[in-house]
Protein backbone atom coordinates (compact mmCIF):
# COMPACT_ATOMS: atom_id res chain seq x y z
CA UNK A 1 -157.38 -159.17 39.88
CA UNK A 2 -157.57 -163.58 39.40
CA UNK A 3 -155.06 -165.36 41.44
CA UNK A 4 -152.91 -166.43 38.14
CA UNK A 5 -152.88 -162.55 37.26
CA UNK A 6 -151.45 -161.80 40.40
CA UNK A 7 -149.05 -164.43 41.04
CA UNK A 8 -147.82 -163.45 37.06
CA UNK A 9 -146.66 -159.87 38.17
CA UNK A 10 -145.28 -161.19 40.51
CA UNK A 11 -143.40 -163.01 39.20
CA UNK A 12 -142.36 -160.54 36.47
CA UNK A 13 -141.26 -158.35 38.88
CA UNK A 14 -138.96 -160.84 40.54
CA UNK A 15 -137.59 -161.44 37.03
CA UNK A 16 -136.73 -158.07 36.78
CA UNK A 17 -134.76 -157.78 40.23
CA UNK A 18 -132.99 -160.71 39.64
CA UNK A 19 -131.76 -159.49 36.39
CA UNK A 20 -131.28 -156.14 38.07
CA UNK A 21 -129.14 -156.95 40.89
CA UNK A 22 -126.59 -158.92 40.38
CA UNK A 23 -125.55 -156.33 37.37
CA UNK A 24 -125.18 -153.34 40.00
CA UNK A 25 -123.61 -156.11 42.45
CA UNK A 26 -121.31 -157.53 40.07
CA UNK A 27 -119.92 -153.90 38.83
CA UNK A 28 -116.60 -154.00 41.13
CA UNK A 29 -116.00 -157.04 39.66
CA UNK A 30 -115.92 -156.22 36.51
CA UNK A 31 -113.89 -152.70 36.78
CA UNK A 32 -111.50 -154.89 38.50
CA UNK A 33 -111.34 -157.60 36.07
CA UNK A 34 -110.79 -154.72 33.12
CA UNK A 35 -108.20 -152.05 35.20
CA UNK A 36 -106.29 -154.08 37.47
CA UNK A 37 -103.71 -154.88 34.54
CA UNK A 38 -103.67 -151.08 34.62
CA UNK A 39 -102.44 -150.35 38.02
CA UNK A 40 -99.24 -151.05 39.70
CA UNK A 41 -97.49 -150.82 42.79
CA UNK A 42 -94.85 -148.17 43.11
CA UNK A 43 -91.85 -148.46 45.76
CA UNK A 44 -88.71 -146.28 46.27
CA UNK A 45 -85.81 -148.17 47.02
CA UNK A 46 -82.20 -147.80 49.11
CA UNK A 47 -80.02 -148.38 46.44
CA UNK A 48 -77.83 -150.86 46.61
CA UNK A 49 -79.64 -152.44 49.63
CA UNK A 50 -83.17 -153.07 47.61
CA UNK A 51 -84.88 -152.25 50.51
CA UNK A 52 -88.11 -150.48 50.41
CA UNK A 53 -87.95 -146.64 51.68
CA UNK A 54 -91.76 -145.98 50.30
CA UNK A 55 -94.63 -148.03 48.51
CA UNK A 56 -97.71 -146.44 47.07
CA UNK A 57 -99.53 -146.95 43.69
CA UNK A 58 -99.63 -145.91 40.20
CA UNK A 59 -101.26 -146.74 36.59
CA UNK A 60 -100.61 -146.84 33.00
CA UNK A 61 -102.18 -143.58 31.13
CA UNK A 62 -100.42 -145.02 27.74
CA UNK A 63 -99.42 -148.36 26.35
CA UNK A 64 -95.46 -147.39 25.92
CA UNK A 65 -94.93 -147.38 29.69
CA UNK A 66 -95.97 -144.01 31.10
CA UNK A 67 -97.35 -144.08 34.68
CA UNK A 68 -99.08 -141.49 37.00
CA UNK A 69 -98.50 -141.38 40.87
CA UNK A 70 -98.29 -138.82 43.61
CA UNK A 71 -95.22 -136.73 43.97
CA UNK A 72 -95.36 -137.76 47.58
CA UNK A 73 -95.11 -141.16 46.75
CA UNK A 74 -91.96 -140.74 44.97
CA UNK A 75 -90.62 -137.37 46.21
CA UNK A 76 -87.45 -139.10 48.32
CA UNK A 77 -86.09 -140.28 44.99
CA UNK A 78 -87.19 -136.68 43.45
CA UNK A 79 -84.96 -135.24 45.98
CA UNK A 80 -82.22 -137.69 46.11
CA UNK A 81 -81.66 -139.42 43.25
CA UNK A 82 -78.22 -140.71 44.06
CA UNK A 83 -79.77 -142.38 47.73
CA UNK A 84 -83.30 -143.94 46.10
CA UNK A 85 -84.17 -145.38 42.92
CA UNK A 86 -88.05 -146.38 42.12
CA UNK A 87 -89.47 -150.13 40.69
CA UNK A 88 -92.45 -150.73 39.72
CA UNK A 89 -93.92 -154.23 40.74
CA UNK A 90 -97.18 -155.48 38.31
CA UNK A 91 -100.14 -157.62 39.31
CA UNK A 92 -98.48 -160.68 37.61
CA UNK A 93 -95.44 -160.18 39.91
CA UNK A 94 -93.39 -158.69 37.25
CA UNK A 95 -91.16 -155.68 38.07
CA UNK A 96 -88.74 -152.87 36.49
CA UNK A 97 -87.03 -149.66 36.96
CA UNK A 98 -88.81 -146.32 36.45
CA UNK A 99 -87.82 -143.21 35.35
CA UNK A 100 -89.34 -139.96 37.01
CA UNK A 101 -90.21 -137.17 33.64
CA UNK A 102 -92.45 -134.81 35.07
CA UNK A 103 -93.47 -133.42 38.48
CA UNK A 104 -96.61 -131.50 39.79
CA UNK A 105 -96.01 -130.57 43.70
CA UNK A 106 -99.16 -127.96 43.74
CA UNK A 107 -101.53 -130.93 43.14
CA UNK A 108 -99.10 -133.91 44.39
CA UNK A 109 -98.63 -135.69 41.28
CA UNK A 110 -95.47 -137.29 39.14
CA UNK A 111 -95.11 -138.39 35.88
CA UNK A 112 -93.04 -141.40 35.23
CA UNK A 113 -91.92 -144.38 32.40
CA UNK A 114 -91.12 -147.73 32.06
CA UNK A 115 -89.69 -149.70 29.31
CA UNK A 116 -92.08 -151.67 27.54
CA UNK A 117 -95.00 -151.35 25.04
CA UNK A 118 -98.55 -152.35 24.29
CA UNK A 119 -99.19 -152.19 28.06
CA UNK A 120 -103.21 -151.97 28.71
CA UNK A 121 -103.64 -148.11 30.28
CA UNK A 122 -106.25 -146.41 31.36
CA UNK A 123 -108.41 -143.86 29.07
CA UNK A 124 -109.38 -140.40 31.24
CA UNK A 125 -113.37 -140.00 31.37
CA UNK A 126 -114.63 -137.06 29.05
CA UNK A 127 -118.00 -136.26 30.90
CA UNK A 128 -118.01 -134.06 33.63
CA UNK A 129 -118.69 -136.01 36.75
CA UNK A 130 -121.79 -136.13 38.58
CA UNK A 131 -122.47 -135.31 42.49
CA UNK A 132 -123.41 -139.08 44.02
CA UNK A 133 -121.81 -141.04 41.29
CA UNK A 134 -120.66 -144.39 42.04
CA UNK A 135 -116.30 -144.64 41.91
CA UNK A 136 -113.75 -147.08 42.29
CA UNK A 137 -110.73 -147.07 43.87
CA UNK A 138 -107.86 -148.73 42.81
CA UNK A 139 -104.42 -149.61 44.63
CA UNK A 140 -102.43 -151.62 46.81
CA UNK A 141 -103.01 -150.67 50.72
CA UNK A 142 -99.68 -151.42 53.29
CA UNK A 143 -97.87 -153.77 51.16
CA UNK A 144 -100.93 -156.35 50.81
CA UNK A 145 -101.69 -156.72 47.10
CA UNK A 146 -104.35 -154.77 44.75
CA UNK A 147 -107.71 -154.28 46.13
CA UNK A 148 -110.64 -152.16 44.76
CA UNK A 149 -112.83 -150.10 46.35
CA UNK A 150 -116.05 -148.87 45.99
CA UNK A 151 -117.44 -145.32 46.88
CA UNK A 152 -119.12 -142.33 46.00
CA UNK A 153 -118.23 -138.89 44.42
CA UNK A 154 -119.58 -136.02 47.06
CA UNK A 155 -118.01 -133.30 45.13
CA UNK A 156 -115.27 -130.97 44.94
CA UNK A 157 -113.89 -130.25 48.96
CA UNK A 158 -114.88 -127.14 50.77
CA UNK A 159 -112.00 -124.97 52.39
CA UNK A 160 -109.09 -126.60 50.14
CA UNK A 161 -106.59 -124.46 48.15
CA UNK A 162 -106.37 -126.37 45.25
CA UNK A 163 -109.27 -128.46 43.55
CA UNK A 164 -109.77 -132.20 45.25
CA UNK A 165 -112.62 -134.42 45.34
CA UNK A 166 -114.14 -135.44 48.63
CA UNK A 167 -114.53 -139.63 47.87
CA UNK A 168 -116.50 -141.56 50.36
CA UNK A 169 -114.90 -144.95 50.18
CA UNK A 170 -111.45 -146.08 52.44
CA UNK A 171 -108.42 -145.11 50.95
CA UNK A 172 -105.49 -146.89 52.80
CA UNK A 173 -101.87 -145.71 52.86
CA UNK A 174 -100.43 -147.81 50.09
CA UNK A 175 -103.12 -146.76 47.60
CA UNK A 176 -101.73 -143.20 47.31
CA UNK A 177 -101.18 -142.40 43.55
CA UNK A 178 -103.47 -145.15 42.20
CA UNK A 179 -106.52 -144.53 40.37
CA UNK A 180 -110.00 -144.18 40.79
CA UNK A 181 -112.50 -144.96 37.78
CA UNK A 182 -116.05 -144.33 36.79
CA UNK A 183 -118.30 -147.46 36.16
CA UNK A 184 -117.18 -147.68 32.66
CA UNK A 185 -113.27 -148.08 33.87
CA UNK A 186 -112.75 -144.44 32.64
CA UNK A 187 -110.16 -142.36 34.95
CA UNK A 188 -111.75 -139.81 37.01
CA UNK A 189 -109.54 -139.04 39.93
CA UNK A 190 -106.16 -140.18 41.76
CA UNK A 191 -105.95 -141.36 45.20
CA UNK A 192 -104.03 -138.66 47.36
CA UNK A 193 -104.94 -138.56 51.13
CA UNK A 194 -107.60 -140.37 53.59
CA UNK A 195 -109.08 -138.83 56.81
CA UNK A 196 -110.79 -141.47 59.34
CA UNK A 197 -111.98 -145.03 57.62
CA UNK A 198 -114.58 -144.06 55.09
CA UNK A 199 -113.57 -140.52 53.81
CA UNK A 200 -110.83 -139.93 51.47
CA UNK A 201 -109.63 -136.76 48.88
CA UNK A 202 -108.71 -137.07 45.07
CA UNK A 203 -106.76 -135.25 42.75
CA UNK A 204 -109.06 -134.68 39.33
CA UNK A 205 -108.28 -136.17 36.57
CA UNK A 206 -107.57 -133.00 34.62
CA UNK A 207 -104.31 -132.50 36.58
CA UNK A 208 -103.14 -135.49 35.44
CA UNK A 209 -104.10 -134.74 31.98
CA UNK A 210 -102.78 -131.63 31.91
CA UNK A 211 -99.47 -132.84 33.36
CA UNK A 212 -98.98 -135.62 30.92
CA UNK A 213 -99.80 -132.81 27.95
CA UNK A 214 -96.74 -130.22 29.04
CA UNK A 215 -94.80 -133.49 29.52
CA UNK A 216 -95.62 -134.63 25.83
CA UNK A 217 -95.66 -130.71 24.67
CA UNK A 218 -91.87 -130.83 25.75
CA UNK A 219 -90.51 -134.11 26.85
CA UNK A 220 -87.10 -133.77 28.37
CA UNK A 221 -85.88 -135.71 31.48
CA UNK A 222 -84.55 -133.70 34.35
CA UNK A 223 -81.12 -133.91 35.64
CA UNK A 224 -82.27 -132.57 39.37
CA UNK A 225 -86.09 -131.75 40.52
CA UNK A 226 -85.06 -128.66 43.00
CA UNK A 227 -84.98 -125.77 40.58
CA UNK A 228 -88.14 -126.83 39.43
CA UNK A 229 -89.80 -127.52 43.22
CA UNK A 230 -88.59 -124.16 44.25
CA UNK A 231 -90.24 -122.45 41.13
CA UNK A 232 -94.22 -124.02 41.75
CA UNK A 233 -93.76 -123.29 45.38
CA UNK A 234 -93.00 -119.53 44.46
CA UNK A 235 -95.45 -119.94 41.79
CA UNK A 236 -98.11 -121.27 45.08
CA UNK A 237 -96.47 -118.72 47.34
CA UNK A 238 -97.74 -115.88 44.85
CA UNK A 239 -101.37 -117.47 45.07
CA UNK A 240 -101.35 -118.03 48.31
CA UNK A 241 -100.50 -113.88 48.99
CA UNK A 242 -102.58 -112.45 46.61
CA UNK A 243 -105.79 -114.28 47.69
CA UNK A 244 -105.07 -112.66 51.43
CA UNK A 245 -103.98 -109.81 50.75
CA UNK A 246 -106.48 -108.74 47.29
CA UNK A 247 -108.50 -106.79 50.17
CA UNK A 248 -108.55 -105.41 53.56
CA UNK A 249 -108.49 -108.50 55.82
CA UNK A 250 -111.97 -109.10 57.15
CA UNK A 251 -111.93 -108.60 61.38
CA UNK A 252 -113.12 -109.97 64.85
CA UNK A 253 -113.63 -106.67 67.24
CA UNK A 254 -113.77 -107.66 70.51
CA UNK A 255 -112.31 -106.28 74.12
CA UNK A 256 -111.57 -102.60 72.40
CA UNK A 257 -109.31 -104.39 69.88
CA UNK A 258 -109.47 -105.15 65.96
CA UNK A 259 -108.57 -108.45 65.15
CA UNK A 260 -107.67 -110.36 61.75
CA UNK A 261 -110.68 -112.99 60.84
CA UNK A 262 -110.83 -115.65 58.18
CA UNK A 263 -109.44 -113.84 54.93
CA UNK A 264 -110.64 -116.26 52.71
CA UNK A 265 -113.03 -119.42 51.83
CA UNK A 266 -109.76 -122.07 52.22
CA UNK A 267 -109.04 -119.52 55.89
CA UNK A 268 -111.04 -121.28 58.89
CA UNK A 269 -111.17 -119.60 62.25
CA UNK A 270 -111.87 -121.34 65.52
CA UNK A 271 -112.40 -119.14 68.83
CA UNK A 272 -112.60 -119.75 72.75
CA UNK A 273 -112.33 -118.34 75.96
CA UNK A 274 -110.54 -119.58 79.20
CA UNK A 275 -110.65 -118.17 82.50
CA UNK A 276 -107.88 -118.77 84.90
CA UNK A 277 -109.57 -117.67 88.14
CA UNK A 278 -106.43 -119.23 90.03
CA UNK A 279 -104.01 -117.17 87.94
CA UNK A 280 -106.69 -114.15 88.08
CA UNK A 281 -107.02 -113.45 85.06
CA UNK A 282 -108.67 -114.35 81.30
CA UNK A 283 -108.05 -114.72 77.72
CA UNK A 284 -110.12 -114.62 74.92
CA UNK A 285 -108.46 -116.40 72.01
CA UNK A 286 -109.15 -116.68 67.76
CA UNK A 287 -106.84 -118.33 66.06
CA UNK A 288 -107.07 -119.18 61.96
CA UNK A 289 -105.30 -121.78 59.46
CA UNK A 290 -105.15 -122.56 55.80
CA UNK A 291 -105.70 -125.76 54.26
CA UNK A 292 -102.62 -124.07 51.62
CA UNK A 293 -99.72 -126.23 52.71
CA UNK A 294 -97.72 -128.20 50.00
CA UNK A 295 -96.03 -131.63 50.82
CA UNK A 296 -92.48 -131.09 49.44
CA UNK A 297 -90.44 -133.90 51.62
CA UNK A 298 -90.16 -135.32 54.41
CA UNK A 299 -89.95 -132.41 57.42
CA UNK A 300 -90.50 -129.72 54.78
CA UNK A 301 -94.34 -128.43 53.84
CA UNK A 302 -94.28 -125.15 52.31
CA UNK A 303 -97.01 -122.60 51.58
CA UNK A 304 -98.98 -122.65 55.37
CA UNK A 305 -100.41 -119.96 56.77
CA UNK A 306 -101.51 -119.66 60.41
CA UNK A 307 -102.69 -116.50 62.86
CA UNK A 308 -103.28 -116.30 66.60
CA UNK A 309 -105.07 -113.49 68.54
CA UNK A 310 -105.01 -113.90 72.36
CA UNK A 311 -107.11 -111.42 74.26
CA UNK A 312 -105.79 -110.71 77.95
CA UNK A 313 -107.99 -109.46 80.82
CA UNK A 314 -107.39 -108.80 84.29
CA UNK A 315 -109.06 -106.50 87.13
CA UNK A 316 -106.68 -108.09 89.82
CA UNK A 317 -102.79 -108.76 88.49
CA UNK A 318 -101.49 -105.30 88.99
CA UNK A 319 -99.14 -103.72 86.27
CA UNK A 320 -95.23 -105.71 86.79
CA UNK A 321 -97.63 -109.35 87.01
CA UNK A 322 -100.19 -108.97 83.91
CA UNK A 323 -96.87 -107.55 82.00
CA UNK A 324 -94.88 -110.71 82.61
CA UNK A 325 -97.92 -112.72 81.41
CA UNK A 326 -97.73 -111.09 78.69
CA UNK A 327 -94.16 -111.46 78.17
CA UNK A 328 -94.66 -115.35 78.39
CA UNK A 329 -97.33 -114.82 75.72
CA UNK A 330 -95.06 -113.01 73.12
CA UNK A 331 -92.38 -115.84 73.76
CA UNK A 332 -88.47 -115.17 72.91
CA UNK A 333 -86.33 -116.23 70.13
CA UNK A 334 -84.74 -118.48 71.66
CA UNK A 335 -88.64 -120.48 71.30
CA UNK A 336 -87.62 -121.34 67.62
CA UNK A 337 -85.28 -124.78 66.93
CA UNK A 338 -83.43 -124.78 63.47
CA UNK A 339 -83.34 -127.98 61.37
CA UNK A 340 -80.19 -127.17 60.42
CA UNK A 341 -80.73 -129.70 57.62
CA UNK A 342 -83.30 -127.82 55.48
CA UNK A 343 -83.32 -124.43 57.23
CA UNK A 344 -80.85 -121.39 58.37
CA UNK A 345 -81.34 -120.39 61.89
CA UNK A 346 -84.45 -117.92 62.18
CA UNK A 347 -82.70 -114.51 62.86
CA UNK A 348 -84.92 -112.24 64.27
CA UNK A 349 -85.68 -108.17 64.46
CA UNK A 350 -87.32 -106.26 67.72
CA UNK A 351 -89.29 -103.16 67.23
CA UNK A 352 -91.66 -100.19 68.70
CA UNK A 353 -93.78 -98.87 66.84
CA UNK A 354 -97.20 -96.82 66.78
CA UNK A 355 -99.70 -99.01 65.03
CA UNK A 356 -102.87 -97.61 63.89
CA UNK A 357 -102.84 -95.05 66.91
CA UNK A 358 -102.15 -97.97 69.15
CA UNK A 359 -98.55 -98.79 70.91
CA UNK A 360 -97.08 -102.01 70.61
CA UNK A 361 -93.35 -103.92 70.14
CA UNK A 362 -93.48 -106.64 67.65
CA UNK A 363 -90.47 -108.96 66.72
CA UNK A 364 -90.63 -110.31 62.88
CA UNK A 365 -88.14 -113.31 62.35
CA UNK A 366 -86.96 -115.58 59.07
CA UNK A 367 -85.26 -118.14 59.01
CA UNK A 368 -84.09 -119.44 54.70
CA UNK A 369 -84.35 -122.96 52.75
CA UNK A 370 -81.34 -123.78 52.27
CA UNK A 371 -82.02 -125.98 49.02
CA UNK A 372 -85.09 -123.53 47.86
CA UNK A 373 -83.69 -120.14 47.05
CA UNK A 374 -85.61 -117.50 48.03
CA UNK A 375 -87.71 -118.93 49.96
CA UNK A 376 -88.84 -118.45 53.59
CA UNK A 377 -90.67 -119.03 56.72
CA UNK A 378 -91.71 -116.15 58.45
CA UNK A 379 -93.17 -115.31 61.86
CA UNK A 380 -94.23 -112.31 63.44
CA UNK A 381 -95.49 -111.50 66.99
CA UNK A 382 -97.01 -108.44 68.20
CA UNK A 383 -97.82 -107.03 71.58
CA UNK A 384 -100.10 -103.86 72.61
CA UNK A 385 -98.18 -101.74 75.48
CA UNK A 386 -101.31 -99.45 76.10
CA UNK A 387 -101.80 -99.06 79.91
CA UNK A 388 -104.12 -100.93 81.93
CA UNK A 389 -105.35 -104.47 82.43
CA UNK A 390 -106.32 -105.37 78.47
CA UNK A 391 -103.78 -106.52 76.33
CA UNK A 392 -103.49 -108.08 72.96
CA UNK A 393 -101.03 -110.50 71.49
CA UNK A 394 -100.84 -112.09 68.06
CA UNK A 395 -99.02 -114.23 65.71
CA UNK A 396 -98.66 -114.82 62.45
CA UNK A 397 -96.99 -117.85 61.07
CA UNK A 398 -96.29 -118.53 56.83
CA UNK A 399 -94.46 -120.84 55.91
CA UNK A 400 -92.72 -121.53 52.26
CA UNK A 401 -93.23 -118.07 50.61
CA UNK A 402 -90.97 -116.15 49.01
CA UNK A 403 -89.63 -112.63 51.18
CA UNK A 404 -91.72 -110.37 48.67
CA UNK A 405 -94.56 -112.31 49.33
CA UNK A 406 -94.09 -112.71 52.76
CA UNK A 407 -93.54 -108.73 53.54
CA UNK A 408 -96.35 -108.04 51.39
CA UNK A 409 -98.75 -110.16 54.06
CA UNK A 410 -97.06 -109.25 56.86
CA UNK A 411 -97.75 -105.48 56.16
CA UNK A 412 -101.14 -106.25 55.32
CA UNK A 413 -102.00 -108.24 58.70
CA UNK A 414 -100.76 -105.27 60.84
CA UNK A 415 -102.66 -102.87 59.02
CA UNK A 416 -106.27 -105.37 60.22
CA UNK A 417 -104.42 -104.44 64.01
CA UNK A 418 -106.31 -101.45 65.81
CA UNK A 419 -107.29 -100.57 69.67
CA UNK A 420 -110.96 -99.16 68.99
CA UNK A 421 -111.11 -95.27 71.51
């Protein structure tokens, strides 16, 4: 090949590269310029003082002022509308009041409205989202002004009770409720949580579309949202316990005992062993928890599940000292501290029973939610009463479940406990 031909081919390659790279590099600028007018900061304010209680982000989904944000961004207003109010702040500095129309606590979404017409809004993407697709998150981090963050869709988060998208991009506080769009500027998700500097989670846009459709079908502005929150949390309680009890709990067999193991993909279990040589005993532990809790308000997370089994063994301690060790691990009713604003005090009952052929002592404690009728926190503790130097202490904690669901789970859990002769 002649030198002149080589030079021409190289020139063509460089011209293609020079043409394509700026198009890719400039995509964030194009998306930001197109979408920024559709995004606002959302602030909850202490009534009468105009001092902010919380800040987040939101975006228009219609030209008549309907907005989507996270429920947790406006939860203080939803729970105490006589104390807190809301306002939006647009990218051009315009601000005004907001009305809360509807909530989806389970997916952390809220639908709001401002006065106005012919407003720029985001459209929902119709095509399925591809794993590895480049996405752009918008919002107002830490009250610093509107930004755009580039990231990648990594598909649905594993071990999550409800669908959330794993986004490898920096979502910071204050961006909650902001939109995440594709390279074409269409809505694919909503910022909801962050984990580290470059890991975030998104609510899939389909849940925002469904919330909008439900409200449009019945466009009623609720006077208060507590009854709706209670209804949704009972729905969550039912779904949670159904998934846990639809089949026998998987079990671990260790040190002569059968104890519950991971009951569902959203439940994760961890194991460890601790040798207390100076105290003359060892403990093998299994603890399991589920990513199923739902934020309702400050100090209130409902719908969570946790269980733990501690297997004690000693060849040195006498029966009296071994019994004292188990008593300490079992705990007492005084361990519970009641938050009297949100909960009643725990009420406990103790019983001695034959648990699948194993003598055991059990304590069942419940406390009720003051504002969410029919919802309870439940704590079960069981200790084996076998003779010898091996013992089991196991605990089940359920937060924010309906009474019938909780009792169903307690029975199901106890059925999995067994001593293997």
